[in-house]
Amino acid sequence: MNNQTLSNQKIKEQEQLNTEICSTWPCVADRTINFIVVHREAGLLISSAIGLSIIIYVTTISAVKLIKAIGK
């Protein structure tokens, strides 16, 4: 099986787990860990996007300051 098939299978298992009632802390913790494992690709994508936007923001501010300094 390839990674996409495995990911789809994990998501289906997660959805099946979510339909069951979960009231104990070990169960809640286990579900949280499973959710993070299943959705780690999305988490990496989001964190990469946030990091990239911060870099672009800082670079833009630095460039504007440099242009203003040269213009004086």
PDB file of N, CA and C in Angstrom:
ATOM      1  N   MET A   1       0.839  -1.203   0.000  1.00  0.00           N
ATOM      2  CA  MET A   1       0.000   0.000   0.000  1.00  0.00           C
ATOM      3  C   MET A   1       0.873   1.252   0.000  1.00  0.00           C
ATOM      4  N   ASN A   2       0.437   2.246  -0.728  1.00  0.00           N
ATOM      5  CA  ASN A   2       1.200   3.492  -0.738  1.00  0.00           C
ATOM      6  C   ASN A   2       0.770   4.397   0.418  1.00  0.00           C
ATOM      7  N   ASN A   3       1.454   5.517   0.555  1.00  0.00           N
ATOM      8  CA  ASN A   3       1.202   6.413   1.692  1.00  0.00           C
ATOM      9  C   ASN A   3      -0.201   6.996   1.684  1.00  0.00           C
ATOM     10  N   GLN A   4      -0.717   7.329   0.484  1.00  0.00           N
ATOM     11  CA  GLN A   4      -2.055   7.929   0.398  1.00  0.00           C
ATOM     12  C   GLN A   4      -3.103   6.951   0.896  1.00  0.00           C
ATOM     13  N   THR A   5      -2.977   5.682   0.504  1.00  0.00           N
ATOM     14  CA  THR A   5      -3.929   4.663   0.943  1.00  0.00           C
ATOM     15  C   THR A   5      -3.855   4.502   2.452  1.00  0.00           C
ATOM     16  N   LEU A   6      -2.637   4.498   2.997  1.00  0.00           N
ATOM     17  CA  LEU A   6      -2.471   4.377   4.447  1.00  0.00           C
ATOM     18  C   LEU A   6      -3.082   5.576   5.160  1.00  0.00           C
ATOM     19  N   SER A   7      -2.872   6.774   4.612  1.00  0.00           N
ATOM     20  CA  SER A   7      -3.440   7.975   5.229  1.00  0.00           C
ATOM     21  C   SER A   7      -4.959   7.919   5.219  1.00  0.00           C
ATOM     22  N   ASN A   8      -5.530   7.508   4.091  1.00  0.00           N
ATOM     23  CA  ASN A   8      -6.991   7.403   4.000  1.00  0.00           C
ATOM     24  C   ASN A   8      -7.520   6.380   4.990  1.00  0.00           C
ATOM     25  N   GLN A   9      -6.792   5.284   5.153  1.00  0.00           N
ATOM     26  CA  GLN A   9      -7.208   4.244   6.095  1.00  0.00           C
ATOM     27  C   GLN A   9      -7.154   4.783   7.526  1.00  0.00           C
ATOM     28  N   LYS A  10      -6.104   5.528   7.859  1.00  0.00           N
ATOM     29  CA  LYS A  10      -5.985   6.112   9.200  1.00  0.00           C
ATOM     30  C   LYS A  10      -7.121   7.091   9.468  1.00  0.00           C
ATOM     31  N   ILE A  11      -7.468   7.896   8.462  1.00  0.00           N
ATOM     32  CA  ILE A  11      -8.553   8.871   8.629  1.00  0.00           C
ATOM     33  C   ILE A  11      -9.871   8.153   8.871  1.00  0.00           C
ATOM     34  N   LYS A  12     -10.111   7.074   8.123  1.00  0.00           N
ATOM     35  CA  LYS A  12     -11.347   6.305   8.317  1.00  0.00           C
ATOM     36  C   LYS A  12     -11.391   5.706   9.720  1.00  0.00           C
ATOM     37  N   GLU A  13     -10.257   5.169  10.186  1.00  0.00           N
ATOM     38  CA  GLU A  13     -10.188   4.611  11.542  1.00  0.00           C
ATOM     39  C   GLU A  13     -10.450   5.709  12.576  1.00  0.00           C
ATOM     40  N   GLN A  14      -9.901   6.896  12.337  1.00  0.00           N
ATOM     41  CA  GLN A  14     -10.090   8.018  13.259  1.00  0.00           C
ATOM     42  C   GLN A  14     -11.557   8.419  13.319  1.00  0.00           C
ATOM     43  N   GLU A  15     -12.205   8.481  12.161  1.00  0.00           N
ATOM     44  CA  GLU A  15     -13.625   8.839  12.127  1.00  0.00           C
ATOM     45  C   GLU A  15     -14.456   7.796  12.862  1.00  0.00           C
ATOM     46  N   GLN A  16     -14.068   6.531  12.722  1.00  0.00           N
ATOM     47  CA  GLN A  16     -14.789   5.459  13.407  1.00  0.00           C
ATOM     48  C   GLN A  16     -14.603   5.593  14.923  1.00  0.00           C
ATOM     49  N   LEU A  17     -13.388   5.919  15.356  1.00  0.00           N
ATOM     50  CA  LEU A  17     -13.120   6.111  16.786  1.00  0.00           C
ATOM     51  C   LEU A  17     -13.925   7.285  17.341  1.00  0.00           C
ATOM     52  N   ASN A  18     -14.075   8.331  16.546  1.00  0.00           N
ATOM     53  CA  ASN A  18     -14.773   9.537  17.007  1.00  0.00           C
ATOM     54  C   ASN A  18     -16.249   9.289  17.259  1.00  0.00           C
ATOM     55  N   THR A  19     -16.812   8.251  16.646  1.00  0.00           N
ATOM     56  CA  THR A  19     -18.236   7.983  16.851  1.00  0.00           C
ATOM     57  C   THR A  19     -18.486   7.321  18.204  1.00  0.00           C
ATOM     58  N   GLU A  20     -17.453   6.713  18.773  1.00  0.00           N
ATOM     59  CA  GLU A  20     -17.603   6.061  20.074  1.00  0.00           C
ATOM     60  C   GLU A  20     -17.482   7.109  21.186  1.00  0.00           C
ATOM     61  N   ILE A  21     -18.140   6.840  22.313  1.00  0.00           N
ATOM     62  CA  ILE A  21     -18.081   7.776  23.443  1.00  0.00           C
ATOM     63  C   ILE A  21     -16.720   7.636  24.135  1.00  0.00           C
ATOM     64  N   CYS A  22     -16.099   8.768  24.421  1.00  0.00           N
ATOM     65  CA  CYS A  22     -14.778   8.781  25.041  1.00  0.00           C
ATOM     66  C   CYS A  22     -14.858   9.645  26.292  1.00  0.00           C
ATOM     67  N   SER A  23     -14.714   9.029  27.472  1.00  0.00           N
ATOM     68  CA  SER A  23     -14.881   9.801  28.705  1.00  0.00           C
ATOM     69  C   SER A  23     -13.659   9.761  29.620  1.00  0.00           C
ATOM     70  N   THR A  24     -12.745   8.813  29.431  1.00  0.00           N
ATOM     71  CA  THR A  24     -11.586   8.722  30.322  1.00  0.00           C
ATOM     72  C   THR A  24     -10.406   9.495  29.737  1.00  0.00           C
ATOM     73  N   TRP A  25      -9.524   9.991  30.613  1.00  0.00           N
ATOM     74  CA  TRP A  25      -8.372  10.769  30.152  1.00  0.00           C
ATOM     75  C   TRP A  25      -7.449   9.985  29.235  1.00  0.00           C
ATOM     76  N   PRO A  26      -7.126   8.714  29.530  1.00  0.00           N
ATOM     77  CA  PRO A  26      -6.252   7.977  28.596  1.00  0.00           C
ATOM     78  C   PRO A  26      -6.857   7.893  27.196  1.00  0.00           C
ATOM     79  N   CYS A  27      -8.184   7.753  27.139  1.00  0.00           N
ATOM     80  CA  CYS A  27      -8.871   7.686  25.851  1.00  0.00           C
ATOM     81  C   CYS A  27      -8.765   9.021  25.127  1.00  0.00           C
ATOM     82  N   VAL A  28      -8.977  10.117  25.845  1.00  0.00           N
ATOM     83  CA  VAL A  28      -8.889  11.453  25.247  1.00  0.00           C
ATOM     84  C   VAL A  28      -7.471  11.703  24.734  1.00  0.00           C
ATOM     85  N   ALA A  29      -6.473  11.361  25.557  1.00  0.00           N
ATOM     86  CA  ALA A  29      -5.076  11.556  25.163  1.00  0.00           C
ATOM     87  C   ALA A  29      -4.741  10.721  23.930  1.00  0.00           C
ATOM     88  N   ASP A  30      -5.214   9.487  23.906  1.00  0.00           N
ATOM     89  CA  ASP A  30      -4.953   8.600  22.776  1.00  0.00           C
ATOM     90  C   ASP A  30      -5.568   9.160  21.501  1.00  0.00           C
ATOM     91  N   ARG A  31      -6.777   9.667  21.603  1.00  0.00           N
ATOM     92  CA  ARG A  31      -7.447  10.247  20.426  1.00  0.00           C
ATOM     93  C   ARG A  31      -6.725  11.495  19.944  1.00  0.00           C
ATOM     94  N   THR A  32      -6.247  12.305  20.891  1.00  0.00           N
ATOM     95  CA  THR A  32      -5.519  13.518  20.516  1.00  0.00           C
ATOM     96  C   THR A  32      -4.252  13.153  19.756  1.00  0.00           C
ATOM     97  N   ILE A  33      -3.517  12.165  20.258  1.00  0.00           N
ATOM     98  CA  ILE A  33      -2.292  11.711  19.594  1.00  0.00           C
ATOM     99  C   ILE A  33      -2.617  11.148  18.214  1.00  0.00           C
ATOM    100  N   ASN A  34      -3.677  10.352  18.132  1.00  0.00           N
ATOM    101  CA  ASN A  34      -4.077   9.794  16.835  1.00  0.00           C
ATOM    102  C   ASN A  34      -4.424  10.899  15.849  1.00  0.00           C
ATOM    103  N   PHE A  35      -5.129  11.918  16.314  1.00  0.00           N
ATOM    104  CA  PHE A  35      -5.509  13.038  15.448  1.00  0.00           C
ATOM    105  C   PHE A  35      -4.262  13.743  14.913  1.00  0.00           C
ATOM    106  N   ILE A  36      -3.283  13.966  15.813  1.00  0.00           N
ATOM    107  CA  ILE A  36      -2.042  14.642  15.407  1.00  0.00           C
ATOM    108  C   ILE A  36      -1.292  13.790  14.386  1.00  0.00           C
ATOM    109  N   VAL A  37      -1.235  12.479  14.612  1.00  0.00           N
ATOM    110  CA  VAL A  37      -0.527  11.585  13.688  1.00  0.00           C
ATOM    111  C   VAL A  37      -1.210  11.573  12.325  1.00  0.00           C
ATOM    112  N   VAL A  38      -2.546  11.481  12.334  1.00  0.00           N
ATOM    113  CA  VAL A  38      -3.289  11.404  11.074  1.00  0.00           C
ATOM    114  C   VAL A  38      -3.169  12.707  10.288  1.00  0.00           C
ATOM    115  N   HIS A  39      -3.176  13.838  10.985  1.00  0.00           N
ATOM    116  CA  HIS A  39      -3.209  15.134  10.305  1.00  0.00           C
ATOM    117  C   HIS A  39      -1.865  15.850  10.342  1.00  0.00           C
ATOM    118  N   ARG A  40      -0.763  15.106  10.498  1.00  0.00           N
ATOM    119  CA  ARG A  40       0.534  15.766  10.630  1.00  0.00           C
ATOM    120  C   ARG A  40       0.951  16.481   9.344  1.00  0.00           C
ATOM    121  N   GLU A  41       0.543  15.956   8.180  1.00  0.00           N
ATOM    122  CA  GLU A  41       0.891  16.623   6.927  1.00  0.00           C
ATOM    123  C   GLU A  41       0.279  18.021   6.890  1.00  0.00           C
ATOM    124  N   ALA A  42      -0.974  18.128   7.293  1.00  0.00           N
ATOM    125  CA  ALA A  42      -1.651  19.429   7.311  1.00  0.00           C
ATOM    126  C   ALA A  42      -0.976  20.360   8.317  1.00  0.00           C
ATOM    127  N   GLY A  43      -0.588  19.826   9.469  1.00  0.00           N
ATOM    128  CA  GLY A  43       0.094  20.624  10.484  1.00  0.00           C
ATOM    129  C   GLY A  43       1.424  21.159   9.988  1.00  0.00           C
ATOM    130  N   LEU A  44       2.181  20.313   9.283  1.00  0.00           N
ATOM    131  CA  LEU A  44       3.460  20.751   8.725  1.00  0.00           C
ATOM    132  C   LEU A  44       3.244  21.831   7.676  1.00  0.00           C
ATOM    133  N   LEU A  45       2.208  21.661   6.868  1.00  0.00           N
ATOM    134  CA  LEU A  45       1.908  22.643   5.827  1.00  0.00           C
ATOM    135  C   LEU A  45       1.551  23.989   6.442  1.00  0.00           C
ATOM    136  N   ILE A  46       0.721  23.969   7.481  1.00  0.00           N
ATOM    137  CA  ILE A  46       0.299  25.207   8.147  1.00  0.00           C
ATOM    138  C   ILE A  46       1.493  25.891   8.810  1.00  0.00           C
ATOM    139  N   SER A  47       2.324  25.112   9.522  1.00  0.00           N
ATOM    140  CA  SER A  47       3.474  25.717  10.198  1.00  0.00           C
ATOM    141  C   SER A  47       4.475  26.263   9.184  1.00  0.00           C
ATOM    142  N   SER A  48       4.633  25.583   8.049  1.00  0.00           N
ATOM    143  CA  SER A  48       5.521  26.083   6.998  1.00  0.00           C
ATOM    144  C   SER A  48       4.991  27.394   6.428  1.00  0.00           C
ATOM    145  N   ALA A  49       3.680  27.463   6.215  1.00  0.00           N
ATOM    146  CA  ALA A  49       3.070  28.681   5.670  1.00  0.00           C
ATOM    147  C   ALA A  49       3.234  29.847   6.639  1.00  0.00           C
ATOM    148  N   ILE A  50       3.046  29.591   7.930  1.00  0.00           N
ATOM    149  CA  ILE A  50       3.202  30.646   8.940  1.00  0.00           C
ATOM    150  C   ILE A  50       4.656  31.126   8.972  1.00  0.00           C
ATOM    151  N   GLY A  51       5.589  30.183   8.969  1.00  0.00           N
ATOM    152  CA  GLY A  51       7.010  30.533   8.969  1.00  0.00           C
ATOM    153  C   GLY A  51       7.396  31.353   7.752  1.00  0.00           C
ATOM    154  N   LEU A  52       6.892  30.941   6.592  1.00  0.00           N
ATOM    155  CA  LEU A  52       7.185  31.653   5.352  1.00  0.00           C
ATOM    156  C   LEU A  52       6.608  33.063   5.373  1.00  0.00           C
ATOM    157  N   SER A  53       5.397  33.212   5.896  1.00  0.00           N
ATOM    158  CA  SER A  53       4.778  34.545   5.942  1.00  0.00           C
ATOM    159  C   SER A  53       5.547  35.467   6.885  1.00  0.00           C
ATOM    160  N   ILE A  54       6.064  34.927   7.989  1.00  0.00           N
ATOM    161  CA  ILE A  54       6.867  35.737   8.918  1.00  0.00           C
ATOM    162  C   ILE A  54       8.153  36.197   8.230  1.00  0.00           C
ATOM    163  N   ILE A  55       8.805  35.287   7.497  1.00  0.00           N
ATOM    164  CA  ILE A  55      10.045  35.630   6.782  1.00  0.00           C
ATOM    165  C   ILE A  55       9.772  36.726   5.749  1.00  0.00           C
ATOM    166  N   ILE A  56       8.677  36.577   4.996  1.00  0.00           N
ATOM    167  CA  ILE A  56       8.325  37.583   3.980  1.00  0.00           C
ATOM    168  C   ILE A  56       8.047  38.932   4.643  1.00  0.00           C
ATOM    169  N   TYR A  57       7.337  38.925   5.767  1.00  0.00           N
ATOM    170  CA  TYR A  57       7.001  40.160   6.487  1.00  0.00           C
ATOM    171  C   TYR A  57       8.267  40.881   6.950  1.00  0.00           C
ATOM    172  N   VAL A  58       9.169  40.142   7.587  1.00  0.00           N
ATOM    173  CA  VAL A  58      10.414  40.733   8.103  1.00  0.00           C
ATOM    174  C   VAL A  58      11.269  41.255   6.950  1.00  0.00           C
ATOM    175  N   THR A  59      11.352  40.488   5.871  1.00  0.00           N
ATOM    176  CA  THR A  59      12.137  40.904   4.704  1.00  0.00           C
ATOM    177  C   THR A  59      11.566  42.179   4.094  1.00  0.00           C
ATOM    178  N   THR A  60      10.247  42.260   4.003  1.00  0.00           N
ATOM    179  CA  THR A  60       9.597  43.449   3.431  1.00  0.00           C
ATOM    180  C   THR A  60       9.889  44.680   4.278  1.00  0.00           C
ATOM    181  N   ILE A  61       9.770  44.562   5.595  1.00  0.00           N
ATOM    182  CA  ILE A  61      10.050  45.698   6.491  1.00  0.00           C
ATOM    183  C   ILE A  61      11.511  46.129   6.352  1.00  0.00           C
ATOM    184  N   SER A  62      12.423  45.149   6.295  1.00  0.00           N
ATOM    185  CA  SER A  62      13.845  45.470   6.144  1.00  0.00           C
ATOM    186  C   SER A  62      14.104  46.177   4.820  1.00  0.00           C
ATOM    187  N   ALA A  63      13.468  45.715   3.755  1.00  0.00           N
ATOM    188  CA  ALA A  63      13.651  46.325   2.436  1.00  0.00           C
ATOM    189  C   ALA A  63      13.128  47.761   2.420  1.00  0.00           C
ATOM    190  N   VAL A  64      11.975  47.989   3.037  1.00  0.00           N
ATOM    191  CA  VAL A  64      11.401  49.343   3.093  1.00  0.00           C
ATOM    192  C   VAL A  64      12.331  50.275   3.863  1.00  0.00           C
ATOM    193  N   LYS A  65      12.865  49.815   4.998  1.00  0.00           N
ATOM    194  CA  LYS A  65      13.790  50.639   5.790  1.00  0.00           C
ATOM    195  C   LYS A  65      15.052  50.952   4.986  1.00  0.00           C
ATOM    196  N   LEU A  66      15.551  49.970   4.248  1.00  0.00           N
ATOM    197  CA  LEU A  66      16.758  50.147   3.440  1.00  0.00           C
ATOM    198  C   LEU A  66      16.504  51.163   2.326  1.00  0.00           C
ATOM    199  N   ILE A  67      15.367  51.056   1.669  1.00  0.00           N
ATOM    200  CA  ILE A  67      15.025  51.990   0.586  1.00  0.00           C
ATOM    201  C   ILE A  67      14.886  53.407   1.132  1.00  0.00           C
ATOM    202  N   LYS A  68      14.255  53.557   2.296  1.00  0.00           N
ATOM    203  CA  LYS A  68      14.109  54.882   2.911  1.00  0.00           C
ATOM    204  C   LYS A  68      15.475  55.456   3.278  1.00  0.00           C
ATOM    205  N   ALA A  69      16.379  54.596   3.784  1.00  0.00           N
ATOM    206  CA  ALA A  69      17.716  55.051   4.173  1.00  0.00           C
ATOM    207  C   ALA A  69      18.510  55.492   2.947  1.00  0.00           C
ATOM    208  N   ILE A  70      18.375  54.771   1.854  1.00  0.00           N
ATOM    209  CA  ILE A  70      19.090  55.133   0.624  1.00  0.00           C
ATOM    210  C   ILE A  70      18.517  56.427   0.044  1.00  0.00           C
ATOM    211  N   GLY A  71      17.218  56.589   0.165  1.00  0.00           N
ATOM    212  CA  GLY A  71      16.549  57.763  -0.404  1.00  0.00           C
ATOM    213  C   GLY A  71      16.875  59.066   0.299  1.00  0.00           C
ATOM    214  N   LYS A  72      17.367  59.003   1.526  1.00  0.00           N
ATOM    215  CA  LYS A  72      17.646  60.239   2.284  1.00  0.00           C
ATOM    216  C   LYS A  72      18.933  60.891   1.852  1.00  0.00           C
TER     217      LYS A  72
END
